[in-house]
């Protein structure tokens, strides 16, 4: 991948991580009020997805450093 493609992927992953982190915070607040069992499951799925996004962001960052 070229440096510009890696930069684009980095920006996309960073944006997705921010969106999903805010979603996780919202789910954490909502699960105490509405459908606690279902929202708890969705909350933990979202946490796992955020962790995967973070790992992807770290990998892309390493590749960006190697291209520099």
N, C-alpha and C. Protein backbone atom coordinates (compact mmCIF):
# COMPACT_ATOMS: atom_id res chain seq x y z
N UNK A 1 0.85 -1.19 0.00
CA UNK A 1 0.00 0.00 0.00
C UNK A 1 0.89 1.25 0.00
N UNK A 2 0.40 2.26 -0.66
CA UNK A 2 1.16 3.51 -0.69
C UNK A 2 0.95 4.30 0.59
N UNK A 3 1.77 5.30 0.78
CA UNK A 3 1.67 6.15 1.98
C UNK A 3 0.32 6.85 2.03
N UNK A 4 -0.19 7.33 0.90
CA UNK A 4 -1.48 8.03 0.90
C UNK A 4 -2.63 7.08 1.22
N UNK A 5 -2.54 5.84 0.74
CA UNK A 5 -3.57 4.85 1.08
C UNK A 5 -3.55 4.53 2.57
N UNK A 6 -2.36 4.40 3.12
CA UNK A 6 -2.23 4.14 4.56
C UNK A 6 -2.76 5.32 5.37
N UNK A 7 -2.48 6.54 4.91
CA UNK A 7 -3.01 7.73 5.60
C UNK A 7 -4.53 7.75 5.56
N UNK A 8 -5.09 7.41 4.41
CA UNK A 8 -6.55 7.38 4.28
C UNK A 8 -7.16 6.31 5.20
N UNK A 9 -6.54 5.13 5.21
CA UNK A 9 -7.03 4.05 6.08
C UNK A 9 -6.90 4.45 7.55
N UNK A 10 -5.80 5.09 7.91
CA UNK A 10 -5.60 5.55 9.29
C UNK A 10 -6.71 6.53 9.69
N UNK A 11 -6.99 7.50 8.81
CA UNK A 11 -8.04 8.48 9.12
C UNK A 11 -9.41 7.82 9.26
N UNK A 12 -9.68 6.85 8.39
CA UNK A 12 -10.96 6.15 8.45
C UNK A 12 -11.09 5.35 9.75
N UNK A 13 -10.05 4.61 10.11
CA UNK A 13 -10.09 3.82 11.34
C UNK A 13 -10.21 4.72 12.57
N UNK A 14 -9.49 5.84 12.55
CA UNK A 14 -9.57 6.77 13.68
C UNK A 14 -10.97 7.33 13.82
N UNK A 15 -11.59 7.70 12.70
CA UNK A 15 -12.96 8.23 12.74
C UNK A 15 -13.94 7.17 13.25
N UNK A 16 -13.80 5.94 12.76
CA UNK A 16 -14.68 4.87 13.21
C UNK A 16 -14.50 4.58 14.69
N UNK A 17 -13.27 4.62 15.17
CA UNK A 17 -13.01 4.37 16.59
C UNK A 17 -13.67 5.44 17.45
N UNK A 18 -13.61 6.69 17.03
CA UNK A 18 -14.25 7.76 17.80
C UNK A 18 -15.76 7.56 17.83
N UNK A 19 -16.36 7.26 16.67
CA UNK A 19 -17.81 7.06 16.60
C UNK A 19 -18.24 5.90 17.49
N UNK A 20 -17.53 4.78 17.41
CA UNK A 20 -17.92 3.62 18.20
C UNK A 20 -17.64 3.81 19.69
N UNK A 21 -16.62 4.56 20.03
CA UNK A 21 -16.36 4.85 21.45
C UNK A 21 -17.51 5.67 22.04
N UNK A 22 -17.99 6.65 21.28
CA UNK A 22 -19.14 7.44 21.75
C UNK A 22 -20.38 6.56 21.85
N UNK A 23 -20.55 5.65 20.89
CA UNK A 23 -21.68 4.72 20.93
C UNK A 23 -21.63 3.84 22.17
N UNK A 24 -20.44 3.35 22.50
CA UNK A 24 -20.28 2.50 23.69
C UNK A 24 -20.65 3.28 24.95
N UNK A 25 -20.23 4.52 25.03
CA UNK A 25 -20.58 5.34 26.20
C UNK A 25 -22.10 5.51 26.28
N UNK A 26 -22.73 5.77 25.14
CA UNK A 26 -24.20 5.90 25.12
C UNK A 26 -24.89 4.62 25.54
N UNK A 27 -24.40 3.49 25.06
CA UNK A 27 -24.99 2.20 25.43
C UNK A 27 -24.79 1.91 26.92
N UNK A 28 -23.65 2.30 27.45
CA UNK A 28 -23.38 2.08 28.88
C UNK A 28 -24.39 2.85 29.73
N UNK A 29 -24.74 4.05 29.29
CA UNK A 29 -25.71 4.85 30.02
C UNK A 29 -27.12 4.29 29.83
N UNK A 30 -27.46 3.93 28.59
CA UNK A 30 -28.82 3.49 28.28
C UNK A 30 -29.16 2.12 28.87
N UNK A 31 -28.17 1.26 29.02
CA UNK A 31 -28.48 -0.11 29.45
C UNK A 31 -29.01 -0.17 30.88
N UNK A 32 -28.82 0.87 31.65
CA UNK A 32 -29.40 0.88 33.00
C UNK A 32 -30.87 1.30 32.97
N UNK A 33 -31.33 1.84 31.85
CA UNK A 33 -32.71 2.30 31.75
C UNK A 33 -33.59 1.42 30.87
N UNK A 34 -33.07 0.99 29.72
CA UNK A 34 -33.88 0.27 28.74
C UNK A 34 -33.29 -1.11 28.44
N UNK A 35 -34.10 -2.12 28.46
CA UNK A 35 -33.72 -3.48 28.05
C UNK A 35 -32.30 -3.86 28.46
N UNK A 36 -32.06 -3.97 29.76
CA UNK A 36 -30.68 -4.15 30.24
C UNK A 36 -29.96 -5.37 29.67
N UNK A 37 -30.65 -6.50 29.49
CA UNK A 37 -29.96 -7.70 29.00
C UNK A 37 -29.53 -7.54 27.55
N UNK A 38 -30.43 -7.04 26.71
CA UNK A 38 -30.11 -6.87 25.30
C UNK A 38 -29.02 -5.81 25.12
N UNK A 39 -29.17 -4.68 25.80
CA UNK A 39 -28.18 -3.62 25.64
C UNK A 39 -26.83 -3.99 26.24
N UNK A 40 -26.82 -4.85 27.26
CA UNK A 40 -25.55 -5.32 27.80
C UNK A 40 -24.81 -6.13 26.76
N UNK A 41 -25.54 -7.00 26.04
CA UNK A 41 -24.92 -7.79 24.97
C UNK A 41 -24.40 -6.88 23.86
N UNK A 42 -25.20 -5.93 23.43
CA UNK A 42 -24.79 -4.99 22.38
C UNK A 42 -23.61 -4.14 22.85
N UNK A 43 -23.63 -3.75 24.12
CA UNK A 43 -22.53 -2.98 24.70
C UNK A 43 -21.22 -3.75 24.59
N UNK A 44 -21.22 -5.01 25.00
CA UNK A 44 -19.97 -5.78 24.98
C UNK A 44 -19.52 -6.08 23.55
N UNK A 45 -20.47 -6.28 22.65
CA UNK A 45 -20.09 -6.45 21.24
C UNK A 45 -19.43 -5.17 20.72
N UNK A 46 -19.95 -4.02 21.11
CA UNK A 46 -19.37 -2.75 20.68
C UNK A 46 -17.99 -2.54 21.29
N UNK A 47 -17.80 -2.96 22.52
CA UNK A 47 -16.49 -2.85 23.16
C UNK A 47 -15.46 -3.71 22.40
N UNK A 48 -15.86 -4.92 22.04
CA UNK A 48 -14.96 -5.81 21.29
C UNK A 48 -14.63 -5.19 19.94
N UNK A 49 -15.63 -4.61 19.27
CA UNK A 49 -15.39 -3.97 17.97
C UNK A 49 -14.42 -2.78 18.13
N UNK A 50 -14.58 -2.02 19.19
CA UNK A 50 -13.65 -0.91 19.45
C UNK A 50 -12.23 -1.42 19.65
N UNK A 51 -12.08 -2.52 20.34
CA UNK A 51 -10.75 -3.09 20.54
C UNK A 51 -10.15 -3.54 19.21
N UNK A 52 -10.97 -4.14 18.35
CA UNK A 52 -10.48 -4.55 17.03
C UNK A 52 -10.07 -3.34 16.19
N UNK A 53 -10.86 -2.27 16.26
CA UNK A 53 -10.50 -1.04 15.56
C UNK A 53 -9.18 -0.48 16.08
N UNK A 54 -9.00 -0.53 17.39
CA UNK A 54 -7.77 -0.02 17.99
C UNK A 54 -6.56 -0.84 17.53
N UNK A 55 -6.70 -2.15 17.49
CA UNK A 55 -5.61 -3.00 17.03
C UNK A 55 -5.30 -2.69 15.57
N UNK A 56 -6.35 -2.53 14.74
CA UNK A 56 -6.14 -2.16 13.34
C UNK A 56 -5.43 -0.83 13.22
N UNK A 57 -5.79 0.11 14.06
CA UNK A 57 -5.16 1.43 14.05
C UNK A 57 -3.68 1.33 14.40
N UNK A 58 -3.34 0.49 15.36
CA UNK A 58 -1.94 0.28 15.74
C UNK A 58 -1.16 -0.34 14.58
N UNK A 59 -1.74 -1.34 13.92
CA UNK A 59 -1.07 -2.00 12.80
C UNK A 59 -0.83 -1.02 11.66
N UNK A 60 -1.85 -0.23 11.32
CA UNK A 60 -1.70 0.75 10.25
C UNK A 60 -0.67 1.80 10.63
N UNK A 61 -0.63 2.19 11.89
CA UNK A 61 0.37 3.16 12.34
C UNK A 61 1.78 2.61 12.17
N UNK A 62 1.98 1.35 12.49
CA UNK A 62 3.29 0.72 12.32
C UNK A 62 3.69 0.72 10.85
N UNK A 63 2.74 0.37 9.96
CA UNK A 63 3.04 0.38 8.53
C UNK A 63 3.34 1.79 8.03
N UNK A 64 2.63 2.79 8.57
CA UNK A 64 2.90 4.17 8.17
C UNK A 64 4.30 4.59 8.58
N UNK A 65 4.74 4.17 9.77
CA UNK A 65 6.09 4.51 10.23
C UNK A 65 7.14 3.86 9.34
N UNK A 66 6.87 2.62 8.91
CA UNK A 66 7.82 1.93 8.05
C UNK A 66 7.92 2.60 6.69
N UNK A 67 6.84 3.17 6.19
CA UNK A 67 6.85 3.84 4.89
C UNK A 67 7.52 5.21 4.95
N UNK A 68 7.61 5.78 6.14
CA UNK A 68 8.20 7.13 6.26
C UNK A 68 9.70 7.13 6.07
